[in-house]
N, C-alpha and C. Protein backbone atom coordinates (compact mmCIF):
# COMPACT_ATOMS: atom_id res chain seq x y z
N UNK A 1 -103.97 15.19 16.38
CA UNK A 1 -102.86 14.80 15.53
C UNK A 1 -102.90 13.30 15.30
N UNK A 2 -102.68 12.83 14.09
CA UNK A 2 -102.65 11.41 13.77
C UNK A 2 -101.15 11.06 13.79
N UNK A 3 -100.76 10.00 14.62
CA UNK A 3 -99.38 9.62 14.71
C UNK A 3 -99.12 8.58 13.64
N UNK A 4 -98.08 8.77 12.82
CA UNK A 4 -97.69 7.78 11.87
C UNK A 4 -96.70 6.82 12.43
N UNK A 5 -97.13 5.58 12.50
CA UNK A 5 -96.19 4.49 13.08
C UNK A 5 -94.89 4.42 12.41
N UNK A 6 -94.82 4.78 11.18
CA UNK A 6 -93.58 4.75 10.39
C UNK A 6 -92.55 5.78 10.80
N UNK A 7 -93.05 6.75 11.64
CA UNK A 7 -92.16 7.80 12.19
C UNK A 7 -91.84 7.57 13.65
N UNK A 8 -92.17 6.40 14.22
CA UNK A 8 -91.88 6.14 15.58
C UNK A 8 -91.03 4.94 15.64
N UNK A 9 -89.93 5.01 16.47
CA UNK A 9 -89.09 3.85 16.68
C UNK A 9 -88.88 3.69 18.29
N UNK A 10 -88.96 2.54 18.64
CA UNK A 10 -88.70 2.20 20.13
C UNK A 10 -87.32 1.70 20.24
N UNK A 11 -86.75 1.97 21.42
CA UNK A 11 -85.36 1.59 21.71
C UNK A 11 -85.16 0.10 21.94
N UNK A 12 -86.24 -0.64 22.08
CA UNK A 12 -86.18 -2.10 22.30
C UNK A 12 -87.43 -2.77 21.76
N UNK A 13 -87.44 -4.01 21.69
CA UNK A 13 -88.56 -4.75 21.24
C UNK A 13 -89.56 -4.76 22.41
N UNK A 14 -90.92 -4.46 22.07
CA UNK A 14 -91.95 -4.45 23.11
C UNK A 14 -92.85 -5.58 22.92
N UNK A 15 -93.43 -6.04 24.08
CA UNK A 15 -94.41 -6.97 24.04
C UNK A 15 -95.72 -6.33 23.46
N UNK A 16 -96.73 -7.06 23.04
CA UNK A 16 -97.93 -6.46 22.47
C UNK A 16 -98.59 -5.49 23.51
N UNK A 17 -98.66 -5.89 24.80
CA UNK A 17 -99.17 -5.09 25.79
C UNK A 17 -98.44 -3.83 25.98
N UNK A 18 -97.15 -3.94 26.02
CA UNK A 18 -96.27 -2.69 26.19
C UNK A 18 -96.45 -1.76 24.96
N UNK A 19 -96.51 -2.39 23.77
CA UNK A 19 -96.63 -1.56 22.50
C UNK A 19 -97.95 -0.77 22.58
N UNK A 20 -98.97 -1.45 23.00
CA UNK A 20 -100.28 -0.73 23.08
C UNK A 20 -100.19 0.39 24.07
N UNK A 21 -99.68 0.09 25.23
CA UNK A 21 -99.60 1.14 26.27
C UNK A 21 -98.78 2.28 25.79
N UNK A 22 -97.58 1.98 25.28
CA UNK A 22 -96.60 3.06 24.77
C UNK A 22 -97.27 3.88 23.70
N UNK A 23 -97.91 3.23 22.81
CA UNK A 23 -98.53 3.98 21.66
C UNK A 23 -99.62 4.92 22.18
N UNK A 24 -100.50 4.41 23.15
CA UNK A 24 -101.46 5.19 23.82
C UNK A 24 -100.95 6.32 24.44
N UNK A 25 -99.88 6.19 25.23
CA UNK A 25 -99.23 7.24 25.93
C UNK A 25 -98.65 8.33 24.92
N UNK A 26 -98.09 7.80 23.92
CA UNK A 26 -97.51 8.68 22.84
C UNK A 26 -98.51 9.54 22.21
N UNK A 27 -99.61 8.87 21.80
CA UNK A 27 -100.76 9.57 21.11
C UNK A 27 -101.30 10.62 22.04
N UNK A 28 -101.54 10.28 23.35
CA UNK A 28 -102.07 11.25 24.28
C UNK A 28 -101.13 12.38 24.55
N UNK A 29 -99.84 12.10 24.67
CA UNK A 29 -98.84 13.11 24.83
C UNK A 29 -98.73 14.08 23.73
N UNK A 30 -98.79 13.58 22.50
CA UNK A 30 -98.52 14.37 21.31
C UNK A 30 -99.87 14.92 20.66
N UNK A 31 -100.94 14.70 21.24
CA UNK A 31 -102.32 15.09 20.62
C UNK A 31 -102.36 16.61 20.36
N UNK A 32 -101.74 17.40 21.21
CA UNK A 32 -101.76 18.88 21.00
C UNK A 32 -100.51 19.45 20.36
N UNK A 33 -99.70 18.59 20.01
CA UNK A 33 -98.36 18.98 19.48
C UNK A 33 -98.51 19.70 18.08
N UNK A 34 -97.69 20.73 17.94
CA UNK A 34 -97.65 21.42 16.62
C UNK A 34 -96.50 20.90 15.74
N UNK A 35 -95.78 19.86 16.29
CA UNK A 35 -94.76 19.28 15.49
C UNK A 35 -95.22 18.33 14.41
N UNK A 36 -95.61 18.84 13.33
CA UNK A 36 -96.14 18.00 12.24
C UNK A 36 -94.98 17.39 11.53
N UNK A 37 -95.09 16.06 11.22
CA UNK A 37 -94.10 15.39 10.47
C UNK A 37 -92.80 15.00 11.26
N UNK A 38 -92.76 15.23 12.52
CA UNK A 38 -91.55 14.84 13.28
C UNK A 38 -91.44 13.34 13.32
N UNK A 39 -90.16 12.93 13.56
CA UNK A 39 -89.94 11.50 13.87
C UNK A 39 -89.80 11.40 15.45
N UNK A 40 -90.15 10.32 15.97
CA UNK A 40 -90.07 10.12 17.38
C UNK A 40 -89.29 8.84 17.79
N UNK A 41 -88.35 9.04 18.61
CA UNK A 41 -87.61 7.95 19.20
C UNK A 41 -88.07 7.81 20.66
N UNK A 42 -88.57 6.67 20.89
CA UNK A 42 -89.19 6.43 22.27
C UNK A 42 -88.26 5.49 23.05
N UNK A 43 -87.82 5.93 24.13
CA UNK A 43 -87.00 5.15 25.03
C UNK A 43 -87.90 4.53 26.14
N UNK A 44 -87.99 3.22 26.16
CA UNK A 44 -88.84 2.50 27.12
C UNK A 44 -87.92 1.71 28.04
N UNK A 45 -87.89 2.09 29.25
CA UNK A 45 -87.06 1.38 30.25
C UNK A 45 -87.81 -0.03 30.54
N UNK A 46 -86.96 -0.92 31.09
CA UNK A 46 -87.49 -2.25 31.40
C UNK A 46 -88.61 -2.21 32.37
N UNK A 47 -88.65 -1.32 33.29
CA UNK A 47 -89.71 -1.22 34.24
C UNK A 47 -90.87 -0.33 33.84
N UNK A 48 -90.98 -0.05 32.53
CA UNK A 48 -91.99 0.56 31.76
C UNK A 48 -92.76 1.73 32.43
N UNK A 49 -93.46 1.48 33.57
CA UNK A 49 -94.28 2.50 34.15
C UNK A 49 -93.44 3.74 34.58
N UNK A 50 -93.89 4.90 34.11
CA UNK A 50 -93.22 6.16 34.44
C UNK A 50 -91.77 6.20 33.88
N UNK A 51 -91.47 5.35 32.97
CA UNK A 51 -90.17 5.42 32.34
C UNK A 51 -90.22 5.35 30.80
N UNK A 52 -90.97 6.26 30.22
CA UNK A 52 -91.15 6.41 28.80
C UNK A 52 -90.71 7.79 28.42
N UNK A 53 -89.57 7.87 27.61
CA UNK A 53 -89.10 9.19 27.15
C UNK A 53 -89.22 9.26 25.71
N UNK A 54 -89.67 10.43 25.24
CA UNK A 54 -89.90 10.64 23.84
C UNK A 54 -88.95 11.78 23.36
N UNK A 55 -88.19 11.45 22.34
CA UNK A 55 -87.34 12.45 21.69
C UNK A 55 -87.76 12.69 20.25
N UNK A 56 -88.08 13.97 20.00
CA UNK A 56 -88.51 14.36 18.57
C UNK A 56 -87.38 14.79 17.77
N UNK A 57 -87.29 14.29 16.46
CA UNK A 57 -86.22 14.63 15.57
C UNK A 57 -86.84 15.17 14.31
N UNK A 58 -86.32 16.29 13.78
CA UNK A 58 -86.81 16.90 12.68
C UNK A 58 -86.61 16.06 11.44
N UNK A 59 -87.65 16.01 10.52
CA UNK A 59 -87.61 15.18 9.35
C UNK A 59 -86.36 15.48 8.53
N UNK A 60 -85.96 16.75 8.46
CA UNK A 60 -84.72 17.19 7.62
C UNK A 60 -83.57 16.47 8.01
N UNK A 61 -83.35 16.34 9.34
CA UNK A 61 -82.18 15.71 9.83
C UNK A 61 -82.19 14.17 9.63
N UNK A 62 -83.35 13.60 9.74
CA UNK A 62 -83.55 12.15 9.50
C UNK A 62 -83.28 11.90 7.98
N UNK A 63 -83.98 12.64 7.11
CA UNK A 63 -83.87 12.40 5.72
C UNK A 63 -82.38 12.57 5.21
N UNK A 64 -81.72 13.63 5.73
CA UNK A 64 -80.43 13.91 5.36
C UNK A 64 -79.44 12.87 5.70
N UNK A 65 -79.53 12.29 6.93
CA UNK A 65 -78.67 11.20 7.37
C UNK A 65 -78.98 9.90 6.61
N UNK A 66 -80.33 9.70 6.37
CA UNK A 66 -80.78 8.49 5.59
C UNK A 66 -80.14 8.51 4.16
N UNK A 67 -80.13 9.72 3.61
CA UNK A 67 -79.61 9.84 2.29
C UNK A 67 -78.11 9.58 2.24
N UNK A 68 -77.37 10.09 3.23
CA UNK A 68 -75.94 10.00 3.39
C UNK A 68 -75.51 8.52 3.64
N UNK A 69 -76.28 7.85 4.42
CA UNK A 69 -75.94 6.41 4.75
C UNK A 69 -76.63 5.41 3.89
N UNK A 70 -77.42 5.88 3.04
CA UNK A 70 -78.22 4.96 2.13
C UNK A 70 -79.03 3.90 2.94
N UNK A 71 -79.73 4.44 3.91
CA UNK A 71 -80.60 3.62 4.78
C UNK A 71 -81.90 4.18 4.78
N UNK A 72 -82.94 3.47 5.36
CA UNK A 72 -84.32 4.07 5.42
C UNK A 72 -84.40 5.02 6.67
N UNK A 73 -85.43 5.77 6.71
CA UNK A 73 -85.69 6.78 7.72
C UNK A 73 -85.58 6.23 9.15
N UNK A 74 -86.19 5.15 9.39
CA UNK A 74 -86.20 4.58 10.71
C UNK A 74 -84.80 4.11 11.16
N UNK A 75 -83.99 3.64 10.19
CA UNK A 75 -82.60 3.22 10.55
C UNK A 75 -81.85 4.53 10.87
N UNK A 76 -82.05 5.57 10.07
CA UNK A 76 -81.34 6.80 10.26
C UNK A 76 -81.65 7.35 11.68
N UNK A 77 -82.94 7.27 12.06
CA UNK A 77 -83.41 7.76 13.34
C UNK A 77 -82.73 7.00 14.48
N UNK A 78 -82.52 5.76 14.38
CA UNK A 78 -81.87 4.90 15.36
C UNK A 78 -80.31 5.42 15.37
N UNK A 79 -79.75 5.62 14.28
CA UNK A 79 -78.36 6.04 14.20
C UNK A 79 -78.24 7.43 14.90
N UNK A 80 -79.12 8.35 14.65
CA UNK A 80 -79.10 9.61 15.28
C UNK A 80 -79.21 9.53 16.80
N UNK A 81 -80.03 8.66 17.24
CA UNK A 81 -80.23 8.62 18.70
C UNK A 81 -79.24 7.74 19.41
N UNK A 82 -78.91 6.57 18.84
CA UNK A 82 -78.03 5.64 19.53
C UNK A 82 -76.53 5.92 19.22
N UNK A 83 -76.23 6.50 18.08
CA UNK A 83 -74.82 6.65 17.66
C UNK A 83 -74.74 8.04 17.07
N UNK A 84 -74.90 9.07 17.88
CA UNK A 84 -75.06 10.42 17.42
C UNK A 84 -73.85 11.00 16.55
N UNK A 85 -72.75 10.49 16.89
CA UNK A 85 -71.51 11.05 16.12
C UNK A 85 -71.03 10.18 15.06
N UNK A 86 -71.83 9.06 14.76
CA UNK A 86 -71.34 8.08 13.83
C UNK A 86 -70.95 8.66 12.50
N UNK A 87 -71.84 9.44 11.86
CA UNK A 87 -71.57 9.99 10.51
C UNK A 87 -70.38 10.92 10.52
N UNK A 88 -70.38 11.80 11.52
CA UNK A 88 -69.24 12.75 11.58
C UNK A 88 -67.92 12.02 11.84
N UNK A 89 -67.93 11.06 12.79
CA UNK A 89 -66.69 10.32 13.01
C UNK A 89 -66.23 9.51 11.73
N UNK A 90 -67.16 8.92 11.04
CA UNK A 90 -66.80 8.22 9.83
C UNK A 90 -66.17 9.12 8.79
N UNK A 91 -66.83 10.24 8.50
CA UNK A 91 -66.33 11.23 7.58
C UNK A 91 -64.94 11.74 7.97
N UNK A 92 -64.82 12.09 9.25
CA UNK A 92 -63.50 12.56 9.71
C UNK A 92 -62.38 11.60 9.48
N UNK A 93 -62.76 10.23 9.82
CA UNK A 93 -61.76 9.25 9.55
C UNK A 93 -61.40 9.03 8.13
N UNK A 94 -62.46 9.01 7.26
CA UNK A 94 -62.17 8.89 5.82
C UNK A 94 -61.40 10.05 5.26
N UNK A 95 -61.69 11.23 5.82
CA UNK A 95 -61.05 12.48 5.33
C UNK A 95 -59.59 12.39 5.75
N UNK A 96 -59.30 12.13 7.04
CA UNK A 96 -57.86 11.97 7.56
C UNK A 96 -57.13 11.00 6.85
N UNK A 97 -57.69 9.88 6.50
CA UNK A 97 -56.99 8.80 5.71
C UNK A 97 -56.97 9.06 4.18
N UNK A 98 -57.51 10.16 3.79
CA UNK A 98 -57.59 10.57 2.31
C UNK A 98 -58.22 9.43 1.48
N UNK A 99 -59.30 8.88 2.02
CA UNK A 99 -60.01 7.76 1.41
C UNK A 99 -61.08 8.25 0.40
N UNK A 100 -61.50 9.56 0.55
CA UNK A 100 -62.54 10.12 -0.26
C UNK A 100 -62.01 11.54 -0.78
N UNK A 101 -62.94 12.09 -1.42
CA UNK A 101 -62.65 13.49 -1.97
C UNK A 101 -63.29 14.58 -1.13
N UNK A 102 -63.55 14.38 0.17
CA UNK A 102 -64.18 15.35 0.97
C UNK A 102 -63.26 16.50 1.23
N UNK A 103 -63.88 17.68 1.49
CA UNK A 103 -63.24 18.89 1.81
C UNK A 103 -63.73 19.40 3.07
N UNK A 104 -63.02 20.30 3.72
CA UNK A 104 -63.39 20.96 4.95
C UNK A 104 -64.04 22.32 4.60
N UNK A 105 -65.11 22.64 5.28
CA UNK A 105 -65.86 23.83 5.11
C UNK A 105 -66.08 24.51 6.43
N UNK A 106 -66.15 25.86 6.33
CA UNK A 106 -66.58 26.66 7.53
C UNK A 106 -67.73 27.57 6.99
N UNK A 107 -68.49 28.19 7.98
CA UNK A 107 -69.57 29.04 7.62
C UNK A 107 -69.25 30.45 8.07
N UNK A 108 -69.55 31.45 7.25
CA UNK A 108 -69.34 32.80 7.61
C UNK A 108 -70.75 33.49 7.68
N UNK A 109 -71.12 33.97 8.82
CA UNK A 109 -72.50 34.54 9.01
C UNK A 109 -72.51 36.00 9.01
N UNK A 110 -73.79 36.52 9.06
CA UNK A 110 -73.96 37.98 9.11
C UNK A 110 -73.41 38.49 10.41
N UNK A 111 -73.55 37.78 11.50
CA UNK A 111 -72.96 38.23 12.84
C UNK A 111 -71.44 38.26 12.73
N UNK A 112 -70.85 37.36 12.01
CA UNK A 112 -69.40 37.42 11.83
C UNK A 112 -69.06 38.72 11.07
N UNK A 113 -69.74 38.98 10.07
CA UNK A 113 -69.51 40.21 9.16
C UNK A 113 -69.63 41.49 10.06
N UNK A 114 -70.67 41.51 10.91
CA UNK A 114 -70.92 42.63 11.76
C UNK A 114 -70.11 42.73 12.97
N UNK A 115 -69.42 41.68 13.29
CA UNK A 115 -68.54 41.67 14.48
C UNK A 115 -69.36 41.43 15.75
N UNK A 116 -70.54 40.85 15.62
CA UNK A 116 -71.43 40.68 16.75
C UNK A 116 -71.38 39.17 17.16
N UNK A 117 -71.67 39.00 18.38
CA UNK A 117 -71.76 37.54 18.81
C UNK A 117 -70.40 36.92 18.83
N UNK A 118 -70.36 35.75 19.53
CA UNK A 118 -69.12 35.01 19.56
C UNK A 118 -69.35 33.51 19.29
N UNK A 119 -70.36 33.20 18.50
CA UNK A 119 -70.68 31.87 18.21
C UNK A 119 -69.61 31.25 17.26
N UNK A 120 -69.09 30.15 17.59
CA UNK A 120 -68.11 29.44 16.66
C UNK A 120 -68.85 28.22 16.17
N UNK A 121 -69.04 28.12 14.82
CA UNK A 121 -69.69 27.01 14.26
C UNK A 121 -68.61 25.91 13.91
N UNK A 122 -69.14 24.66 13.97
CA UNK A 122 -68.23 23.56 13.80
C UNK A 122 -67.90 23.54 12.25
N UNK A 123 -66.73 22.93 11.99
CA UNK A 123 -66.28 22.69 10.60
C UNK A 123 -67.07 21.61 10.07
N UNK A 124 -67.34 21.63 8.74
CA UNK A 124 -68.10 20.59 8.12
C UNK A 124 -67.20 19.90 7.12
N UNK A 125 -67.18 18.55 7.15
CA UNK A 125 -66.45 17.88 6.16
C UNK A 125 -67.46 17.22 5.18
N UNK A 126 -67.37 17.48 3.96
CA UNK A 126 -68.39 17.06 2.91
C UNK A 126 -67.88 17.15 1.53
N UNK A 127 -68.75 16.84 0.64
CA UNK A 127 -68.33 16.67 -0.82
C UNK A 127 -68.16 18.00 -1.48
N UNK A 128 -69.06 18.98 -1.22
CA UNK A 128 -68.97 20.22 -1.87
C UNK A 128 -69.67 21.36 -1.12
N UNK A 129 -69.59 22.55 -1.66
CA UNK A 129 -70.16 23.71 -0.95
C UNK A 129 -71.63 23.56 -0.78
N UNK A 130 -72.33 23.02 -1.75
CA UNK A 130 -73.81 22.86 -1.69
C UNK A 130 -74.12 21.88 -0.53
N UNK A 131 -73.39 20.84 -0.40
CA UNK A 131 -73.57 19.90 0.72
C UNK A 131 -73.31 20.61 2.06
N UNK A 132 -72.33 21.35 2.16
CA UNK A 132 -72.04 22.11 3.36
C UNK A 132 -73.16 23.16 3.68
N UNK A 133 -73.60 23.89 2.68
CA UNK A 133 -74.68 24.83 2.89
C UNK A 133 -75.92 24.21 3.40
N UNK A 134 -76.23 23.04 2.79
CA UNK A 134 -77.47 22.32 3.26
C UNK A 134 -77.27 21.95 4.77
N UNK A 135 -76.11 21.43 5.12
CA UNK A 135 -75.85 21.02 6.58
C UNK A 135 -75.98 22.24 7.48
N UNK A 136 -75.33 23.31 7.14
CA UNK A 136 -75.33 24.49 8.02
C UNK A 136 -76.73 25.13 8.11
N UNK A 137 -77.49 25.21 6.94
CA UNK A 137 -78.82 25.84 7.04
C UNK A 137 -79.95 24.94 7.50
N UNK A 138 -79.89 23.69 7.16
CA UNK A 138 -81.01 22.71 7.51
C UNK A 138 -80.82 21.84 8.66
N UNK A 139 -79.54 21.63 9.02
CA UNK A 139 -79.29 20.75 10.15
C UNK A 139 -78.94 21.51 11.38
N UNK A 140 -77.99 22.49 11.16
CA UNK A 140 -77.58 23.43 12.32
C UNK A 140 -78.55 24.55 12.37
N UNK A 141 -79.38 24.76 11.44
CA UNK A 141 -80.34 25.87 11.34
C UNK A 141 -79.80 27.26 11.51
N UNK A 142 -78.65 27.48 10.82
CA UNK A 142 -78.04 28.74 10.75
C UNK A 142 -78.85 29.65 9.77
N UNK A 143 -79.37 30.74 10.07
CA UNK A 143 -80.25 31.53 9.20
C UNK A 143 -79.50 32.68 8.51
N UNK A 144 -78.45 33.15 9.05
CA UNK A 144 -77.85 34.30 8.50
C UNK A 144 -76.48 34.06 7.79
N UNK A 145 -76.54 33.00 7.00
CA UNK A 145 -75.33 32.56 6.24
C UNK A 145 -74.92 33.63 5.11
N UNK A 146 -73.74 34.09 5.16
CA UNK A 146 -73.30 34.98 4.16
C UNK A 146 -72.51 34.15 3.10
N UNK A 147 -71.67 33.27 3.55
CA UNK A 147 -70.92 32.37 2.57
C UNK A 147 -70.43 31.14 3.31
N UNK A 148 -70.14 30.14 2.46
CA UNK A 148 -69.53 28.95 2.87
C UNK A 148 -68.05 29.03 2.41
N UNK A 149 -67.14 28.70 3.30
CA UNK A 149 -65.72 28.82 2.93
C UNK A 149 -65.03 27.51 2.98
N UNK A 150 -64.41 27.20 1.83
CA UNK A 150 -63.60 25.89 1.79
C UNK A 150 -62.28 26.10 2.59
N UNK A 151 -61.95 25.23 3.48
CA UNK A 151 -60.79 25.45 4.28
C UNK A 151 -59.58 24.77 3.56
N UNK A 152 -58.45 25.32 3.58
CA UNK A 152 -57.32 24.66 2.98
C UNK A 152 -56.60 23.97 4.15
N UNK A 153 -56.05 22.73 3.82
CA UNK A 153 -55.31 21.98 4.77
C UNK A 153 -53.92 22.53 4.90
N UNK A 154 -53.47 22.70 6.15
CA UNK A 154 -52.14 23.21 6.45
C UNK A 154 -51.24 21.99 6.26
N UNK A 155 -50.07 22.31 5.66
CA UNK A 155 -49.08 21.29 5.32
C UNK A 155 -47.92 21.45 6.33
């Protein structure tokens, strides 16, 4: 597998020696990986040796957040890893202050219809039903969606 440096972000600035070591370890670790096109966030501790952690993030999640925040993919990856609830917190705040035209959505699945399972999915605050469907199907990876329901605010 050829590792694309544009899909790798380190949690701190590395010296040239550290960068070469980290990249070598990363290539060796991921050489048999089936995760094509993934983004990788690499956490390098100050004492480097035996302290390299790699987190893979799906490209759909990175591209989705990059689009929402109008940033590039690497910036979105940093946001996902260092500030995981940033986008949700921002939307919630804007929604609660009525600063945007966002709506609340919920998902109804085949398991809900059949009365099976007890999974409760989070509410989604977004622009429209299409936006909510994309979030539920591509970010939360819900595969048995029957419908997306717009929630009414209680007064």
